[in-house]
Amino acid sequence: MVLWRSGAGNYLVTIAYLDKFITLNKKRLLSLISLCGLGFLAGFGNQNTSGGVILITLLILLKNWLVTKKLNKQQLLSVGFLLLGFSGLLLSLGDKKRAKMYDSQ
């Protein structure tokens, strides 16, 4: 039960980030700050989920660029925070300990 609650939290943050990423209000600073915070948390959540979210956001940016020939700077900034959170997840001590635990050599 405890594991499912923490796992569900990871997925809810990811869904909230993607929803805000797609429906970004360009005129509100608070919207940008919350998007960057959610991006960091979504990146820091789970290795598999974070990789998928990075792929989805990059594909959305590519689609928008192909259609409009412009990139949204606020979305790019939020992807930077997403990558920062993912980097923190990969460099965390728990991840290194878990990798050693499953290493056969």
PDB file of N, CA and C in Angstrom:
ATOM      1  N   MET A   1       0.817  -1.191   0.000  1.00  0.00           N
ATOM      2  CA  MET A   1       0.000   0.000   0.000  1.00  0.00           C
ATOM      3  C   MET A   1       0.864   1.260   0.000  1.00  0.00           C
ATOM      4  N   VAL A   2       1.923   1.267   0.791  1.00  0.00           N
ATOM      5  CA  VAL A   2       2.784   2.436   0.870  1.00  0.00           C
ATOM      6  C   VAL A   2       3.501   2.658  -0.464  1.00  0.00           C
ATOM      7  N   LEU A   3       3.980   1.574  -1.075  1.00  0.00           N
ATOM      8  CA  LEU A   3       4.666   1.717  -2.353  1.00  0.00           C
ATOM      9  C   LEU A   3       3.729   2.258  -3.426  1.00  0.00           C
ATOM     10  N   TRP A   4       2.480   1.820  -3.437  1.00  0.00           N
ATOM     11  CA  TRP A   4       1.560   2.303  -4.445  1.00  0.00           C
ATOM     12  C   TRP A   4       1.265   3.789  -4.254  1.00  0.00           C
ATOM     13  N   ARG A   5       1.173   4.240  -3.005  1.00  0.00           N
ATOM     14  CA  ARG A   5       0.911   5.667  -2.766  1.00  0.00           C
ATOM     15  C   ARG A   5       2.053   6.524  -3.291  1.00  0.00           C
ATOM     16  N   SER A   6       3.275   6.129  -3.029  1.00  0.00           N
ATOM     17  CA  SER A   6       4.403   6.925  -3.527  1.00  0.00           C
ATOM     18  C   SER A   6       4.499   6.822  -5.046  1.00  0.00           C
ATOM     19  N   GLY A   7       4.222   5.669  -5.603  1.00  0.00           N
ATOM     20  CA  GLY A   7       4.234   5.516  -7.055  1.00  0.00           C
ATOM     21  C   GLY A   7       3.149   6.329  -7.719  1.00  0.00           C
ATOM     22  N   ALA A   8       1.972   6.349  -7.106  1.00  0.00           N
ATOM     23  CA  ALA A   8       0.865   7.135  -7.661  1.00  0.00           C
ATOM     24  C   ALA A   8       1.211   8.616  -7.632  1.00  0.00           C
ATOM     25  N   GLY A   9       1.915   9.059  -6.594  1.00  0.00           N
ATOM     26  CA  GLY A   9       2.346  10.461  -6.532  1.00  0.00           C
ATOM     27  C   GLY A   9       3.253  10.825  -7.693  1.00  0.00           C
ATOM     28  N   ASN A  10       4.165   9.923  -8.044  1.00  0.00           N
ATOM     29  CA  ASN A  10       5.043  10.166  -9.194  1.00  0.00           C
ATOM     30  C   ASN A  10       4.235  10.351 -10.471  1.00  0.00           C
ATOM     31  N   TYR A  11       3.252   9.496 -10.667  1.00  0.00           N
ATOM     32  CA  TYR A  11       2.462   9.575 -11.886  1.00  0.00           C
ATOM     33  C   TYR A  11       1.564  10.795 -11.901  1.00  0.00           C
ATOM     34  N   LEU A  12       1.037  11.199 -10.756  1.00  0.00           N
ATOM     35  CA  LEU A  12       0.194  12.391 -10.703  1.00  0.00           C
ATOM     36  C   LEU A  12       0.992  13.657 -11.006  1.00  0.00           C
ATOM     37  N   VAL A  13       2.211  13.735 -10.485  1.00  0.00           N
ATOM     38  CA  VAL A  13       3.060  14.890 -10.793  1.00  0.00           C
ATOM     39  C   VAL A  13       3.378  14.915 -12.284  1.00  0.00           C
ATOM     40  N   THR A  14       3.627  13.761 -12.861  1.00  0.00           N
ATOM     41  CA  THR A  14       3.926  13.671 -14.289  1.00  0.00           C
ATOM     42  C   THR A  14       2.731  14.125 -15.121  1.00  0.00           C
ATOM     43  N   ILE A  15       1.540  13.670 -14.755  1.00  0.00           N
ATOM     44  CA  ILE A  15       0.339  14.065 -15.493  1.00  0.00           C
ATOM     45  C   ILE A  15       0.083  15.564 -15.346  1.00  0.00           C
ATOM     46  N   ALA A  16       0.268  16.091 -14.132  1.00  0.00           N
ATOM     47  CA  ALA A  16       0.076  17.527 -13.909  1.00  0.00           C
ATOM     48  C   ALA A  16       1.071  18.330 -14.739  1.00  0.00           C
ATOM     49  N   TYR A  17       2.327  17.870 -14.805  1.00  0.00           N
ATOM     50  CA  TYR A  17       3.337  18.564 -15.605  1.00  0.00           C
ATOM     51  C   TYR A  17       2.967  18.565 -17.085  1.00  0.00           C
ATOM     52  N   LEU A  18       2.597  17.411 -17.614  1.00  0.00           N
ATOM     53  CA  LEU A  18       2.255  17.338 -19.036  1.00  0.00           C
ATOM     54  C   LEU A  18       1.024  18.181 -19.358  1.00  0.00           C
ATOM     55  N   ASP A  19       0.042  18.191 -18.461  1.00  0.00           N
ATOM     56  CA  ASP A  19      -1.145  19.009 -18.676  1.00  0.00           C
ATOM     57  C   ASP A  19      -0.782  20.488 -18.720  1.00  0.00           C
ATOM     58  N   LYS A  20       0.026  20.932 -17.765  1.00  0.00           N
ATOM     59  CA  LYS A  20       0.447  22.336 -17.740  1.00  0.00           C
ATOM     60  C   LYS A  20       1.367  22.664 -18.917  1.00  0.00           C
ATOM     61  N   PHE A  21       2.189  21.715 -19.326  1.00  0.00           N
ATOM     62  CA  PHE A  21       3.102  21.925 -20.454  1.00  0.00           C
ATOM     63  C   PHE A  21       2.320  22.169 -21.742  1.00  0.00           C
ATOM     64  N   ILE A  22       1.256  21.405 -21.940  1.00  0.00           N
ATOM     65  CA  ILE A  22       0.474  21.524 -23.167  1.00  0.00           C
ATOM     66  C   ILE A  22      -0.405  22.769 -23.136  1.00  0.00           C
ATOM     67  N   THR A  23      -0.970  23.101 -21.973  1.00  0.00           N
ATOM     68  CA  THR A  23      -1.897  24.236 -21.869  1.00  0.00           C
ATOM     69  C   THR A  23      -1.250  25.419 -21.168  1.00  0.00           C
ATOM     70  N   LEU A  24      -0.015  25.724 -21.496  1.00  0.00           N
ATOM     71  CA  LEU A  24       0.733  26.792 -20.838  1.00  0.00           C
ATOM     72  C   LEU A  24       0.115  28.148 -21.138  1.00  0.00           C
ATOM     73  N   ASN A  25      -0.116  28.923 -20.068  1.00  0.00           N
ATOM     74  CA  ASN A  25      -0.592  30.294 -20.207  1.00  0.00           C
ATOM     75  C   ASN A  25       0.635  31.193 -20.295  1.00  0.00           C
ATOM     76  N   LYS A  26       0.863  31.784 -21.440  1.00  0.00           N
ATOM     77  CA  LYS A  26       2.103  32.513 -21.700  1.00  0.00           C
ATOM     78  C   LYS A  26       2.210  33.829 -20.945  1.00  0.00           C
ATOM     79  N   LYS A  27       1.105  34.341 -20.414  1.00  0.00           N
ATOM     80  CA  LYS A  27       1.124  35.664 -19.803  1.00  0.00           C
ATOM     81  C   LYS A  27       1.293  35.637 -18.294  1.00  0.00           C
ATOM     82  N   ARG A  28       1.368  34.478 -17.692  1.00  0.00           N
ATOM     83  CA  ARG A  28       1.386  34.410 -16.240  1.00  0.00           C
ATOM     84  C   ARG A  28       2.709  33.866 -15.727  1.00  0.00           C
ATOM     85  N   LEU A  29       3.358  34.647 -14.876  1.00  0.00           N
ATOM     86  CA  LEU A  29       4.629  34.238 -14.277  1.00  0.00           C
ATOM     87  C   LEU A  29       4.418  33.065 -13.320  1.00  0.00           C
ATOM     88  N   LEU A  30       3.322  33.084 -12.586  1.00  0.00           N
ATOM     89  CA  LEU A  30       3.040  32.004 -11.649  1.00  0.00           C
ATOM     90  C   LEU A  30       2.880  30.668 -12.374  1.00  0.00           C
ATOM     91  N   SER A  31       2.288  30.706 -13.559  1.00  0.00           N
ATOM     92  CA  SER A  31       2.129  29.497 -14.366  1.00  0.00           C
ATOM     93  C   SER A  31       3.490  28.942 -14.778  1.00  0.00           C
ATOM     94  N   LEU A  32       4.409  29.826 -15.145  1.00  0.00           N
ATOM     95  CA  LEU A  32       5.758  29.394 -15.529  1.00  0.00           C
ATOM     96  C   LEU A  32       6.507  28.811 -14.336  1.00  0.00           C
ATOM     97  N   ILE A  33       6.386  29.456 -13.182  1.00  0.00           N
ATOM     98  CA  ILE A  33       7.083  28.966 -11.986  1.00  0.00           C
ATOM     99  C   ILE A  33       6.551  27.590 -11.589  1.00  0.00           C
ATOM    100  N   SER A  34       5.232  27.416 -11.621  1.00  0.00           N
ATOM    101  CA  SER A  34       4.676  26.109 -11.263  1.00  0.00           C
ATOM    102  C   SER A  34       5.049  25.052 -12.298  1.00  0.00           C
ATOM    103  N   LEU A  35       5.114  25.438 -13.581  1.00  0.00           N
ATOM    104  CA  LEU A  35       5.521  24.490 -14.619  1.00  0.00           C
ATOM    105  C   LEU A  35       6.958  24.030 -14.403  1.00  0.00           C
ATOM    106  N   CYS A  36       7.844  24.951 -14.065  1.00  0.00           N
ATOM    107  CA  CYS A  36       9.243  24.576 -13.824  1.00  0.00           C
ATOM    108  C   CYS A  36       9.376  23.700 -12.578  1.00  0.00           C
ATOM    109  N   GLY A  37       8.614  24.018 -11.524  1.00  0.00           N
ATOM    110  CA  GLY A  37       8.642  23.192 -10.317  1.00  0.00           C
ATOM    111  C   GLY A  37       8.113  21.793 -10.577  1.00  0.00           C
ATOM    112  N   LEU A  38       7.001  21.711 -11.298  1.00  0.00           N
ATOM    113  CA  LEU A  38       6.457  20.391 -11.647  1.00  0.00           C
ATOM    114  C   LEU A  38       7.425  19.633 -12.557  1.00  0.00           C
ATOM    115  N   GLY A  39       8.107  20.358 -13.448  1.00  0.00           N
ATOM    116  CA  GLY A  39       9.085  19.716 -14.327  1.00  0.00           C
ATOM    117  C   GLY A  39      10.224  19.094 -13.538  1.00  0.00           C
ATOM    118  N   PHE A  40      10.714  19.829 -12.543  1.00  0.00           N
ATOM    119  CA  PHE A  40      11.791  19.291 -11.712  1.00  0.00           C
ATOM    120  C   PHE A  40      11.318  18.050 -10.959  1.00  0.00           C
ATOM    121  N   LEU A  41      10.124  18.124 -10.361  1.00  0.00           N
ATOM    122  CA  LEU A  41       9.598  16.977  -9.617  1.00  0.00           C
ATOM    123  C   LEU A  41       9.304  15.790 -10.531  1.00  0.00           C
ATOM    124  N   ALA A  42       8.788  16.062 -11.721  1.00  0.00           N
ATOM    125  CA  ALA A  42       8.508  14.972 -12.674  1.00  0.00           C
ATOM    126  C   ALA A  42       9.813  14.315 -13.118  1.00  0.00           C
ATOM    127  N   GLY A  43      10.863  15.094 -13.293  1.00  0.00           N
ATOM    128  CA  GLY A  43      12.155  14.533 -13.674  1.00  0.00           C
ATOM    129  C   GLY A  43      12.791  13.736 -12.549  1.00  0.00           C
ATOM    130  N   PHE A  44      12.528  14.137 -11.326  1.00  0.00           N
ATOM    131  CA  PHE A  44      13.129  13.497 -10.156  1.00  0.00           C
ATOM    132  C   PHE A  44      12.337  12.279  -9.688  1.00  0.00           C
ATOM    133  N   GLY A  45      11.183  12.015 -10.303  1.00  0.00           N
ATOM    134  CA  GLY A  45      10.266  11.003  -9.796  1.00  0.00           C
ATOM    135  C   GLY A  45      10.670   9.565 -10.008  1.00  0.00           C
ATOM    136  N   ASN A  46      10.839   9.136 -11.232  1.00  0.00           N
ATOM    137  CA  ASN A  46      11.043   7.720 -11.538  1.00  0.00           C
ATOM    138  C   ASN A  46      11.835   7.655 -12.844  1.00  0.00           C
ATOM    139  N   GLN A  47      12.810   6.786 -12.914  1.00  0.00           N
ATOM    140  CA  GLN A  47      13.669   6.744 -14.097  1.00  0.00           C
ATOM    141  C   GLN A  47      12.894   6.433 -15.370  1.00  0.00           C
ATOM    142  N   ASN A  48      12.037   5.438 -15.333  1.00  0.00           N
ATOM    143  CA  ASN A  48      11.295   5.071 -16.541  1.00  0.00           C
ATOM    144  C   ASN A  48      10.297   6.149 -16.933  1.00  0.00           C
ATOM    145  N   THR A  49       9.550   6.644 -15.958  1.00  0.00           N
ATOM    146  CA  THR A  49       8.552   7.667 -16.235  1.00  0.00           C
ATOM    147  C   THR A  49       9.219   8.955 -16.700  1.00  0.00           C
ATOM    148  N   SER A  50      10.305   9.340 -16.050  1.00  0.00           N
ATOM    149  CA  SER A  50      10.994  10.578 -16.415  1.00  0.00           C
ATOM    150  C   SER A  50      11.537  10.511 -17.842  1.00  0.00           C
ATOM    151  N   GLY A  51      12.082   9.380 -18.213  1.00  0.00           N
ATOM    152  CA  GLY A  51      12.565   9.223 -19.587  1.00  0.00           C
ATOM    153  C   GLY A  51      11.442   9.356 -20.597  1.00  0.00           C
ATOM    154  N   GLY A  52      10.290   8.778 -20.272  1.00  0.00           N
ATOM    155  CA  GLY A  52       9.135   8.890 -21.154  1.00  0.00           C
ATOM    156  C   GLY A  52       8.634  10.318 -21.261  1.00  0.00           C
ATOM    157  N   VAL A  53       8.609  11.038 -20.138  1.00  0.00           N
ATOM    158  CA  VAL A  53       8.151  12.430 -20.146  1.00  0.00           C
ATOM    159  C   VAL A  53       9.118  13.302 -20.950  1.00  0.00           C
ATOM    160  N   ILE A  54      10.399  13.049 -20.815  1.00  0.00           N
ATOM    161  CA  ILE A  54      11.380  13.807 -21.607  1.00  0.00           C
ATOM    162  C   ILE A  54      11.143  13.571 -23.089  1.00  0.00           C
ATOM    163  N   LEU A  55      10.928  12.335 -23.470  1.00  0.00           N
ATOM    164  CA  LEU A  55      10.657  12.015 -24.873  1.00  0.00           C
ATOM    165  C   LEU A  55       9.373  12.694 -25.359  1.00  0.00           C
ATOM    166  N   ILE A  56       8.315  12.627 -24.567  1.00  0.00           N
ATOM    167  CA  ILE A  56       7.042  13.238 -24.959  1.00  0.00           C
ATOM    168  C   ILE A  56       7.194  14.747 -25.130  1.00  0.00           C
ATOM    169  N   THR A  57       7.845  15.411 -24.171  1.00  0.00           N
ATOM    170  CA  THR A  57       7.984  16.866 -24.270  1.00  0.00           C
ATOM    171  C   THR A  57       8.864  17.265 -25.451  1.00  0.00           C
ATOM    172  N   LEU A  58       9.912  16.507 -25.707  1.00  0.00           N
ATOM    173  CA  LEU A  58      10.752  16.830 -26.867  1.00  0.00           C
ATOM    174  C   LEU A  58       9.991  16.621 -28.181  1.00  0.00           C
ATOM    175  N   LEU A  59       9.152  15.600 -28.235  1.00  0.00           N
ATOM    176  CA  LEU A  59       8.338  15.382 -29.437  1.00  0.00           C
ATOM    177  C   LEU A  59       7.299  16.496 -29.621  1.00  0.00           C
ATOM    178  N   ILE A  60       6.721  16.977 -28.523  1.00  0.00           N
ATOM    179  CA  ILE A  60       5.783  18.099 -28.612  1.00  0.00           C
ATOM    180  C   ILE A  60       6.497  19.349 -29.102  1.00  0.00           C
ATOM    181  N   LEU A  61       7.693  19.605 -28.575  1.00  0.00           N
ATOM    182  CA  LEU A  61       8.470  20.762 -29.029  1.00  0.00           C
ATOM    183  C   LEU A  61       8.828  20.642 -30.510  1.00  0.00           C
ATOM    184  N   LEU A  62       9.204  19.441 -30.941  1.00  0.00           N
ATOM    185  CA  LEU A  62       9.540  19.216 -32.350  1.00  0.00           C
ATOM    186  C   LEU A  62       8.326  19.460 -33.234  1.00  0.00           C
ATOM    187  N   LYS A  63       7.164  18.951 -32.823  1.00  0.00           N
ATOM    188  CA  LYS A  63       5.936  19.156 -33.588  1.00  0.00           C
ATOM    189  C   LYS A  63       5.597  20.642 -33.696  1.00  0.00           C
ATOM    190  N   ASN A  64       5.687  21.351 -32.568  1.00  0.00           N
ATOM    191  CA  ASN A  64       5.411  22.791 -32.590  1.00  0.00           C
ATOM    192  C   ASN A  64       6.395  23.541 -33.479  1.00  0.00           C
ATOM    193  N   TRP A  65       7.661  23.128 -33.455  1.00  0.00           N
ATOM    194  CA  TRP A  65       8.661  23.784 -34.296  1.00  0.00           C
ATOM    195  C   TRP A  65       8.404  23.509 -35.774  1.00  0.00           C
ATOM    196  N   LEU A  66       8.015  22.289 -36.109  1.00  0.00           N
ATOM    197  CA  LEU A  66       7.725  21.968 -37.503  1.00  0.00           C
ATOM    198  C   LEU A  66       6.505  22.730 -38.023  1.00  0.00           C
ATOM    199  N   VAL A  67       5.534  22.973 -37.143  1.00  0.00           N
ATOM    200  CA  VAL A  67       4.316  23.677 -37.561  1.00  0.00           C
ATOM    201  C   VAL A  67       4.529  25.180 -37.623  1.00  0.00           C
ATOM    202  N   THR A  68       5.159  25.759 -36.593  1.00  0.00           N
ATOM    203  CA  THR A  68       5.261  27.216 -36.501  1.00  0.00           C
ATOM    204  C   THR A  68       6.652  27.776 -36.777  1.00  0.00           C
ATOM    205  N   LYS A  69       7.654  26.926 -36.847  1.00  0.00           N
ATOM    206  CA  LYS A  69       9.063  27.339 -36.989  1.00  0.00           C
ATOM    207  C   LYS A  69       9.532  28.209 -35.821  1.00  0.00           C
ATOM    208  N   LYS A  70       8.863  28.058 -34.667  1.00  0.00           N
ATOM    209  CA  LYS A  70       9.250  28.779 -33.457  1.00  0.00           C
ATOM    210  C   LYS A  70       9.218  27.807 -32.286  1.00  0.00           C
ATOM    211  N   LEU A  71      10.049  28.083 -31.296  1.00  0.00           N
ATOM    212  CA  LEU A  71      10.045  27.302 -30.067  1.00  0.00           C
ATOM    213  C   LEU A  71       9.581  28.202 -28.925  1.00  0.00           C
ATOM    214  N   ASN A  72       8.739  27.668 -28.070  1.00  0.00           N
ATOM    215  CA  ASN A  72       8.268  28.397 -26.905  1.00  0.00           C
ATOM    216  C   ASN A  72       9.372  28.389 -25.854  1.00  0.00           C
ATOM    217  N   LYS A  73       9.868  29.557 -25.487  1.00  0.00           N
ATOM    218  CA  LYS A  73      10.981  29.654 -24.545  1.00  0.00           C
ATOM    219  C   LYS A  73      10.591  29.158 -23.161  1.00  0.00           C
ATOM    220  N   GLN A  74       9.338  29.364 -22.784  1.00  0.00           N
ATOM    221  CA  GLN A  74       8.889  28.897 -21.472  1.00  0.00           C
ATOM    222  C   GLN A  74       8.842  27.375 -21.420  1.00  0.00           C
ATOM    223  N   GLN A  75       8.421  26.757 -22.506  1.00  0.00           N
ATOM    224  CA  GLN A  75       8.425  25.296 -22.546  1.00  0.00           C
ATOM    225  C   GLN A  75       9.851  24.766 -22.543  1.00  0.00           C
ATOM    226  N   LEU A  76      10.746  25.441 -23.256  1.00  0.00           N
ATOM    227  CA  LEU A  76      12.152  25.021 -23.242  1.00  0.00           C
ATOM    228  C   LEU A  76      12.746  25.123 -21.844  1.00  0.00           C
ATOM    229  N   LEU A  77      12.402  26.193 -21.123  1.00  0.00           N
ATOM    230  CA  LEU A  77      12.895  26.360 -19.760  1.00  0.00           C
ATOM    231  C   LEU A  77      12.382  25.240 -18.861  1.00  0.00           C
ATOM    232  N   SER A  78      11.120  24.876 -19.031  1.00  0.00           N
ATOM    233  CA  SER A  78      10.568  23.804 -18.200  1.00  0.00           C
ATOM    234  C   SER A  78      11.214  22.457 -18.525  1.00  0.00           C
ATOM    235  N   VAL A  79      11.563  22.230 -19.788  1.00  0.00           N
ATOM    236  CA  VAL A  79      12.273  20.996 -20.156  1.00  0.00           C
ATOM    237  C   VAL A  79      13.661  20.997 -19.521  1.00  0.00           C
ATOM    238  N   GLY A  80      14.280  22.167 -19.401  1.00  0.00           N
ATOM    239  CA  GLY A  80      15.558  22.265 -18.703  1.00  0.00           C
ATOM    240  C   GLY A  80      15.430  21.834 -17.250  1.00  0.00           C
ATOM    241  N   PHE A  81      14.354  22.262 -16.588  1.00  0.00           N
ATOM    242  CA  PHE A  81      14.126  21.846 -15.206  1.00  0.00           C
ATOM    243  C   PHE A  81      13.811  20.349 -15.131  1.00  0.00           C
ATOM    244  N   LEU A  82      13.110  19.837 -16.129  1.00  0.00           N
ATOM    245  CA  LEU A  82      12.833  18.403 -16.197  1.00  0.00           C
ATOM    246  C   LEU A  82      14.145  17.618 -16.298  1.00  0.00           C
ATOM    247  N   LEU A  83      15.044  18.074 -17.151  1.00  0.00           N
ATOM    248  CA  LEU A  83      16.348  17.419 -17.304  1.00  0.00           C
ATOM    249  C   LEU A  83      17.199  17.570 -16.048  1.00  0.00           C
ATOM    250  N   LEU A  84      17.081  18.715 -15.379  1.00  0.00           N
ATOM    251  CA  LEU A  84      17.812  18.928 -14.132  1.00  0.00           C
ATOM    252  C   LEU A  84      17.340  17.951 -13.055  1.00  0.00           C
ATOM    253  N   GLY A  85      16.026  17.780 -12.948  1.00  0.00           N
ATOM    254  CA  GLY A  85      15.485  16.813 -11.986  1.00  0.00           C
ATOM    255  C   GLY A  85      15.903  15.390 -12.322  1.00  0.00           C
ATOM    256  N   PHE A  86      15.891  15.046 -13.611  1.00  0.00           N
ATOM    257  CA  PHE A  86      16.300  13.711 -14.035  1.00  0.00           C
ATOM    258  C   PHE A  86      17.778  13.477 -13.740  1.00  0.00           C
ATOM    259  N   SER A  87      18.595  14.504 -13.953  1.00  0.00           N
ATOM    260  CA  SER A  87      20.028  14.380 -13.637  1.00  0.00           C
ATOM    261  C   SER A  87      20.228  14.169 -12.140  1.00  0.00           C
ATOM    262  N   GLY A  88      19.461  14.895 -11.329  1.00  0.00           N
ATOM    263  CA  GLY A  88      19.540  14.704  -9.883  1.00  0.00           C
ATOM    264  C   GLY A  88      19.141  13.300  -9.477  1.00  0.00           C
ATOM    265  N   LEU A  89      18.139  12.751 -10.151  1.00  0.00           N
ATOM    266  CA  LEU A  89      17.715  11.381  -9.859  1.00  0.00           C
ATOM    267  C   LEU A  89      18.822  10.390 -10.198  1.00  0.00           C
ATOM    268  N   LEU A  90      19.452  10.571 -11.345  1.00  0.00           N
ATOM    269  CA  LEU A  90      20.501   9.629 -11.760  1.00  0.00           C
ATOM    270  C   LEU A  90      21.761   9.745 -10.912  1.00  0.00           C
ATOM    271  N   LEU A  91      22.027  10.934 -10.385  1.00  0.00           N
ATOM    272  CA  LEU A  91      23.230  11.139  -9.584  1.00  0.00           C
ATOM    273  C   LEU A  91      23.004  10.926  -8.088  1.00  0.00           C
ATOM    274  N   SER A  92      21.796  10.565  -7.692  1.00  0.00           N
ATOM    275  CA  SER A  92      21.487  10.408  -6.265  1.00  0.00           C
ATOM    276  C   SER A  92      22.209   9.191  -5.685  1.00  0.00           C
ATOM    277  N   LEU A  93      22.449   9.256  -4.391  1.00  0.00           N
ATOM    278  CA  LEU A  93      23.155   8.156  -3.724  1.00  0.00           C
ATOM    279  C   LEU A  93      22.343   6.874  -3.727  1.00  0.00           C
ATOM    280  N   GLY A  94      21.035   6.987  -3.591  1.00  0.00           N
ATOM    281  CA  GLY A  94      20.189   5.796  -3.584  1.00  0.00           C
ATOM    282  C   GLY A  94      20.261   5.046  -4.900  1.00  0.00           C
ATOM    283  N   ASP A  95      20.359   5.780  -5.992  1.00  0.00           N
ATOM    284  CA  ASP A  95      20.456   5.141  -7.296  1.00  0.00           C
ATOM    285  C   ASP A  95      21.781   4.392  -7.428  1.00  0.00           C
ATOM    286  N   LYS A  96      22.848   4.965  -6.921  1.00  0.00           N
ATOM    287  CA  LYS A  96      24.154   4.292  -6.989  1.00  0.00           C
ATOM    288  C   LYS A  96      24.170   3.036  -6.128  1.00  0.00           C
ATOM    289  N   LYS A  97      23.553   3.112  -4.946  1.00  0.00           N
ATOM    290  CA  LYS A  97      23.495   1.928  -4.075  1.00  0.00           C
ATOM    291  C   LYS A  97      22.660   0.827  -4.697  1.00  0.00           C
ATOM    292  N   ARG A  98      21.545   1.216  -5.318  1.00  0.00           N
ATOM    293  CA  ARG A  98      20.685   0.234  -5.965  1.00  0.00           C
ATOM    294  C   ARG A  98      21.418  -0.414  -7.154  1.00  0.00           C
ATOM    295  N   ALA A  99      22.195   0.349  -7.892  1.00  0.00           N
ATOM    296  CA  ALA A  99      22.951  -0.200  -9.013  1.00  0.00           C
ATOM    297  C   ALA A  99      24.002  -1.203  -8.516  1.00  0.00           C
ATOM    298  N   LYS A 100      24.659  -0.902  -7.400  1.00  0.00           N
ATOM    299  CA  LYS A 100      25.646  -1.833  -6.834  1.00  0.00           C
ATOM    300  C   LYS A 100      24.987  -3.106  -6.335  1.00  0.00           C
ATOM    301  N   MET A 101      23.795  -2.974  -5.789  1.00  0.00           N
ATOM    302  CA  MET A 101      23.079  -4.127  -5.240  1.00  0.00           C
ATOM    303  C   MET A 101      22.715  -5.124  -6.343  1.00  0.00           C
ATOM    304  N   TYR A 102      22.374  -4.627  -7.525  1.00  0.00           N
ATOM    305  CA  TYR A 102      21.971  -5.505  -8.620  1.00  0.00           C
ATOM    306  C   TYR A 102      23.103  -5.859  -9.570  1.00  0.00           C
ATOM    307  N   ASP A 103      24.297  -5.325  -9.331  1.00  0.00           N
ATOM    308  CA  ASP A 103      25.436  -5.630 -10.186  1.00  0.00           C
ATOM    309  C   ASP A 103      25.976  -7.012  -9.817  1.00  0.00           C
ATOM    310  N   SER A 104      26.107  -7.867 -10.817  1.00  0.00           N
ATOM    311  CA  SER A 104      26.546  -9.239 -10.551  1.00  0.00           C
ATOM    312  C   SER A 104      28.060  -9.329 -10.339  1.00  0.00           C
ATOM    313  N   GLN A 105      28.794  -8.309 -10.705  1.00  0.00           N
ATOM    314  CA  GLN A 105      30.264  -8.376 -10.543  1.00  0.00           C
ATOM    315  C   GLN A 105      30.659  -7.550  -9.375  1.00  0.00           C
TER     316      GLN A 105
END
